[in-house]
């Protein structure tokens, strides 16, 4: 099972809203909300956070994300109270962007440390360049070596025909579709590029219906990876 997530917030509605978003982007990842006080109102609750932490743990570990300072203290206390605190970690990341990046990483089967790193690299609006995407890929614990300059390459262009372009759900489906392919895939829209496995990077391209995007892949599975992306686009990202 994937690494689980806990969203610690002063607001119950906010925590549940983020969890709802993650359910659309990473359906295999168990995400639990821990928001508000037990009696209602704004604040954080240690017992509720500990319960959410237990519910989110399916054996692969749990990453906690928080909104404001005192929520961080609650999250850290919940981790410290575990029989084995090394099975969970608090990520220092923007709540929504970090949660999306963490969920995408967990959905792809990454381990606890890599999921935390994905969350902490998340910054809203930043789009990775191809060079940054390659560097990030080299730092994962997936065990896949980065392609060399002599690896097979493939390129393709396509026009986005789905209604919302490369927004949240299509970006997440795209990242998941590339799981298992030994290839680094870059998407270009206008003058900006992003690692196709980075949900935030792809969303940051702002590609809309009717836009033309470029695909570049490097690695043994380059052609197969681009074929899968094309099939997904042809299905209007229905997955």
Protein backbone atom coordinates (compact mmCIF):
# COMPACT_ATOMS: atom_id res chain seq x y z
CA UNK A 1 0.00 0.00 0.00
CA UNK A 2 1.17 3.59 -0.63
CA UNK A 3 2.46 6.00 1.99
CA UNK A 4 -0.50 7.64 3.74
CA UNK A 5 -1.16 11.33 4.33
CA UNK A 6 -2.67 13.35 7.17
CA UNK A 7 -3.84 16.93 6.67
CA UNK A 8 -3.62 18.89 9.93
CA UNK A 9 -5.51 22.16 9.81
CA UNK A 10 -7.17 24.66 12.12
CA UNK A 11 -10.29 24.26 9.99
CA UNK A 12 -12.22 21.02 9.63
CA UNK A 13 -13.63 22.21 6.29
CA UNK A 14 -10.15 23.03 4.97
CA UNK A 15 -8.69 19.67 5.99
CA UNK A 16 -11.59 17.78 4.45
CA UNK A 17 -11.42 19.88 1.29
CA UNK A 18 -7.75 19.04 0.75
CA UNK A 19 -8.46 15.35 1.37
CA UNK A 20 -11.30 15.50 -1.16
CA UNK A 21 -8.91 16.98 -3.74
CA UNK A 22 -6.33 14.28 -3.09
CA UNK A 23 -8.98 11.61 -3.52
CA UNK A 24 -9.44 12.78 -7.11
CA UNK A 25 -5.73 13.02 -7.84
CA UNK A 26 -4.41 9.93 -6.04
CA UNK A 27 -7.23 7.46 -5.41
CA UNK A 28 -4.96 4.73 -4.02
CA UNK A 29 -3.46 6.95 -1.34
CA UNK A 30 -5.15 6.95 2.05
CA UNK A 31 -5.46 10.58 3.15
CA UNK A 32 -7.10 11.53 6.45
CA UNK A 33 -8.26 14.96 7.66
CA UNK A 34 -7.46 16.25 11.15
CA UNK A 35 -9.01 19.69 11.31
CA UNK A 36 -10.65 21.85 13.92
CA UNK A 37 -11.34 21.21 17.58
CA UNK A 38 -13.23 18.15 18.80
CA UNK A 39 -16.00 20.38 20.16
CA UNK A 40 -16.11 22.44 16.98
CA UNK A 41 -14.46 25.73 16.11
CA UNK A 42 -11.00 26.58 14.86
CA UNK A 43 -7.92 24.93 16.27
CA UNK A 44 -6.06 21.63 16.26
CA UNK A 45 -6.67 18.56 18.36
CA UNK A 46 -3.94 16.11 19.37
CA UNK A 47 -6.26 13.13 19.82
CA UNK A 48 -7.94 13.71 16.46
CA UNK A 49 -4.55 14.04 14.77
CA UNK A 50 -3.29 10.84 16.41
CA UNK A 51 -6.44 9.00 15.30
CA UNK A 52 -6.04 10.27 11.73
CA UNK A 53 -2.39 9.19 11.80
CA UNK A 54 -3.36 5.67 12.84
CA UNK A 55 -6.07 5.50 10.16
CA UNK A 56 -3.70 6.69 7.42
CA UNK A 57 -0.99 4.15 8.22
CA UNK A 58 -1.29 1.06 6.02
CA UNK A 59 2.25 -0.08 6.68
CA UNK A 60 4.27 2.17 4.38
CA UNK A 61 4.43 5.16 6.72
CA UNK A 62 2.59 8.47 6.92
CA UNK A 63 3.42 12.05 5.94
CA UNK A 64 1.69 14.86 7.83
CA UNK A 65 1.15 18.33 6.35
CA UNK A 66 -0.12 21.33 8.28
CA UNK A 67 -1.46 24.83 7.70
CA UNK A 68 -0.26 27.12 10.52
CA UNK A 69 2.34 27.11 13.30
CA UNK A 70 0.39 25.49 16.12
CA UNK A 71 -0.81 22.78 13.72
CA UNK A 72 2.84 21.93 13.19
CA UNK A 73 3.31 21.42 16.94
CA UNK A 74 0.27 19.15 17.08
CA UNK A 75 1.52 17.12 14.11
CA UNK A 76 5.01 16.76 15.60
CA UNK A 77 3.62 15.70 18.97
CA UNK A 78 1.46 13.04 17.29
CA UNK A 79 4.54 11.65 15.51
CA UNK A 80 6.66 11.72 18.67
CA UNK A 81 3.95 9.79 20.52
CA UNK A 82 4.11 6.85 18.12
CA UNK A 83 5.71 3.59 19.26
CA UNK A 84 8.08 4.04 16.30
CA UNK A 85 8.32 7.74 15.33
CA UNK A 86 10.39 6.83 12.27
CA UNK A 87 7.25 5.51 10.57
CA UNK A 88 5.88 9.04 10.10
CA UNK A 89 7.23 12.48 9.24
CA UNK A 90 6.01 16.08 9.22
CA UNK A 91 6.68 17.82 5.91
CA UNK A 92 7.69 21.48 5.83
CA UNK A 93 5.67 22.42 2.78
CA UNK A 94 2.82 24.64 1.59
CA UNK A 95 -0.33 22.77 2.52
CA UNK A 96 -2.15 22.35 -0.78
CA UNK A 97 0.84 22.24 -3.13
CA UNK A 98 2.75 19.99 -0.76
CA UNK A 99 -0.19 17.64 -0.32
CA UNK A 100 -0.70 17.34 -4.09
CA UNK A 101 2.99 16.65 -4.69
CA UNK A 102 3.13 14.15 -1.83
CA UNK A 103 0.00 12.35 -3.03
CA UNK A 104 1.38 12.05 -6.56
CA UNK A 105 4.64 10.67 -5.21
CA UNK A 106 2.86 8.20 -2.93
CA UNK A 107 0.53 7.13 -5.74
CA UNK A 108 3.61 6.30 -7.79
CA UNK A 109 4.87 3.96 -5.08
CA UNK A 110 7.64 6.12 -3.64
CA UNK A 111 8.91 5.52 -0.12
CA UNK A 112 8.40 7.74 2.93
CA UNK A 113 11.52 9.88 2.49
CA UNK A 114 10.85 10.49 -1.20
CA UNK A 115 7.23 11.48 -0.50
CA UNK A 116 8.43 13.97 2.11
CA UNK A 117 11.01 15.36 -0.33
CA UNK A 118 8.34 15.72 -3.02
CA UNK A 119 6.14 17.72 -0.66
CA UNK A 120 8.99 19.96 0.46
CA UNK A 121 10.05 20.73 -3.12
CA UNK A 122 6.53 21.88 -3.98
CA UNK A 123 6.19 25.59 -4.59
CA UNK A 124 3.09 26.99 -6.26
CA UNK A 125 3.62 28.37 -9.74
CA UNK A 126 7.16 27.03 -10.23
CA UNK A 127 7.64 24.99 -13.37
CA UNK A 128 10.62 22.68 -13.59
CA UNK A 129 12.96 22.98 -16.54
CA UNK A 130 14.06 19.75 -18.27
CA UNK A 131 17.41 20.01 -16.44
CA UNK A 132 15.64 20.35 -13.07
CA UNK A 133 13.36 17.46 -13.89
CA UNK A 134 16.33 15.20 -14.63
CA UNK A 135 18.06 16.25 -11.41
CA UNK A 136 14.92 15.54 -9.38
CA UNK A 137 14.54 12.15 -11.02
CA UNK A 138 18.10 11.26 -10.08
CA UNK A 139 17.27 12.00 -6.44
CA UNK A 140 14.34 9.58 -6.11
CA UNK A 141 14.54 6.20 -4.46
CA UNK A 142 12.81 4.44 -7.34
CA UNK A 143 15.99 2.59 -8.25
CA UNK A 144 15.77 3.73 -11.90
CA UNK A 145 18.96 5.21 -13.26
CA UNK A 146 18.74 8.50 -15.11
CA UNK A 147 19.00 8.05 -18.90
CA UNK A 148 22.32 8.95 -20.45
CA UNK A 149 22.84 11.17 -23.46
CA UNK A 150 23.02 8.04 -25.62
CA UNK A 151 19.65 6.70 -24.49
CA UNK A 152 16.87 6.37 -27.06
CA UNK A 153 14.92 9.58 -27.63
CA UNK A 154 11.46 10.33 -28.96
CA UNK A 155 9.53 13.54 -29.63
CA UNK A 156 5.94 14.30 -30.49
CA UNK A 157 3.43 17.12 -30.57
CA UNK A 158 -0.26 16.98 -29.83
CA UNK A 159 -3.22 19.32 -29.38
CA UNK A 160 -5.15 19.21 -26.10
CA UNK A 161 -8.83 18.58 -26.85
CA UNK A 162 -10.18 17.90 -23.35
CA UNK A 163 -12.20 20.67 -21.76
CA UNK A 164 -9.89 21.56 -18.86
CA UNK A 165 -6.49 21.04 -20.50
CA UNK A 166 -3.67 20.02 -18.18
CA UNK A 167 -5.32 20.99 -14.93
CA UNK A 168 -5.34 18.98 -11.70
CA UNK A 169 -6.97 15.66 -12.60
CA UNK A 170 -5.45 15.33 -16.10
CA UNK A 171 -2.01 16.22 -14.69
CA UNK A 172 -2.36 13.52 -12.02
CA UNK A 173 -3.55 10.96 -14.57
CA UNK A 174 -0.59 11.81 -16.78
CA UNK A 175 1.88 11.31 -13.94
CA UNK A 176 0.30 7.98 -12.99
CA UNK A 177 0.25 6.80 -16.60
CA UNK A 178 4.04 7.01 -16.75
CA UNK A 179 4.58 4.74 -13.75
CA UNK A 180 6.75 1.79 -14.71
CA UNK A 181 8.24 3.34 -17.84
CA UNK A 182 12.01 3.65 -17.93
CA UNK A 183 11.99 7.08 -19.52
CA UNK A 184 12.19 10.73 -18.58
CA UNK A 185 9.35 12.66 -20.21
CA UNK A 186 9.24 16.43 -20.56
CA UNK A 187 6.20 18.47 -21.60
CA UNK A 188 6.64 21.85 -23.28
CA UNK A 189 3.93 24.48 -23.62
CA UNK A 190 5.04 27.74 -25.16
CA UNK A 191 8.37 28.64 -23.58
CA UNK A 192 7.84 26.59 -20.41
CA UNK A 193 8.67 22.95 -19.73
CA UNK A 194 7.94 20.50 -16.93
CA UNK A 195 8.71 16.96 -15.88
CA UNK A 196 5.63 14.97 -16.90
CA UNK A 197 5.74 13.12 -13.56
CA UNK A 198 5.47 16.40 -11.62
CA UNK A 199 1.77 17.11 -11.11
CA UNK A 200 2.46 20.66 -9.95
CA UNK A 201 4.90 21.26 -12.79
CA UNK A 202 2.40 20.09 -15.40
CA UNK A 203 -0.39 22.16 -13.83
CA UNK A 204 1.93 25.16 -13.77
CA UNK A 205 2.26 25.06 -17.55
CA UNK A 206 -1.28 26.44 -17.77
CA UNK A 207 -1.99 24.44 -20.93
CA UNK A 208 -5.64 24.75 -21.97
CA UNK A 209 -8.01 23.18 -24.44
CA UNK A 210 -6.77 23.79 -27.97
CA UNK A 211 -3.16 24.40 -26.93
CA UNK A 212 -0.37 22.54 -28.70
CA UNK A 213 2.14 20.84 -26.42
CA UNK A 214 5.45 19.17 -27.16
CA UNK A 215 6.56 15.85 -25.68
CA UNK A 216 10.18 14.79 -25.38
CA UNK A 217 11.22 11.45 -23.89
CA UNK A 218 14.62 9.94 -23.20
CA UNK A 219 15.31 6.38 -22.09
CA UNK A 220 14.75 2.75 -23.12
CA UNK A 221 10.96 3.16 -22.96
CA UNK A 222 10.85 6.59 -24.62
CA UNK A 223 8.59 5.62 -27.51
CA UNK A 224 6.28 3.52 -25.33
CA UNK A 225 5.95 6.34 -22.80
CA UNK A 226 4.97 8.87 -25.46
CA UNK A 227 2.53 6.37 -26.95
CA UNK A 228 0.86 6.06 -23.53
CA UNK A 229 0.62 9.84 -23.17
CA UNK A 230 -0.92 10.12 -26.63
CA UNK A 231 -3.48 7.42 -25.83
CA UNK A 232 -4.41 9.27 -22.65
CA UNK A 233 -4.81 12.58 -24.51
CA UNK A 234 -6.88 10.86 -27.23
CA UNK A 235 -9.23 9.58 -24.51
CA UNK A 236 -9.62 13.17 -23.21
CA UNK A 237 -7.78 12.07 -20.06
CA UNK A 238 -10.49 9.72 -18.96
CA UNK A 239 -7.81 7.33 -17.63
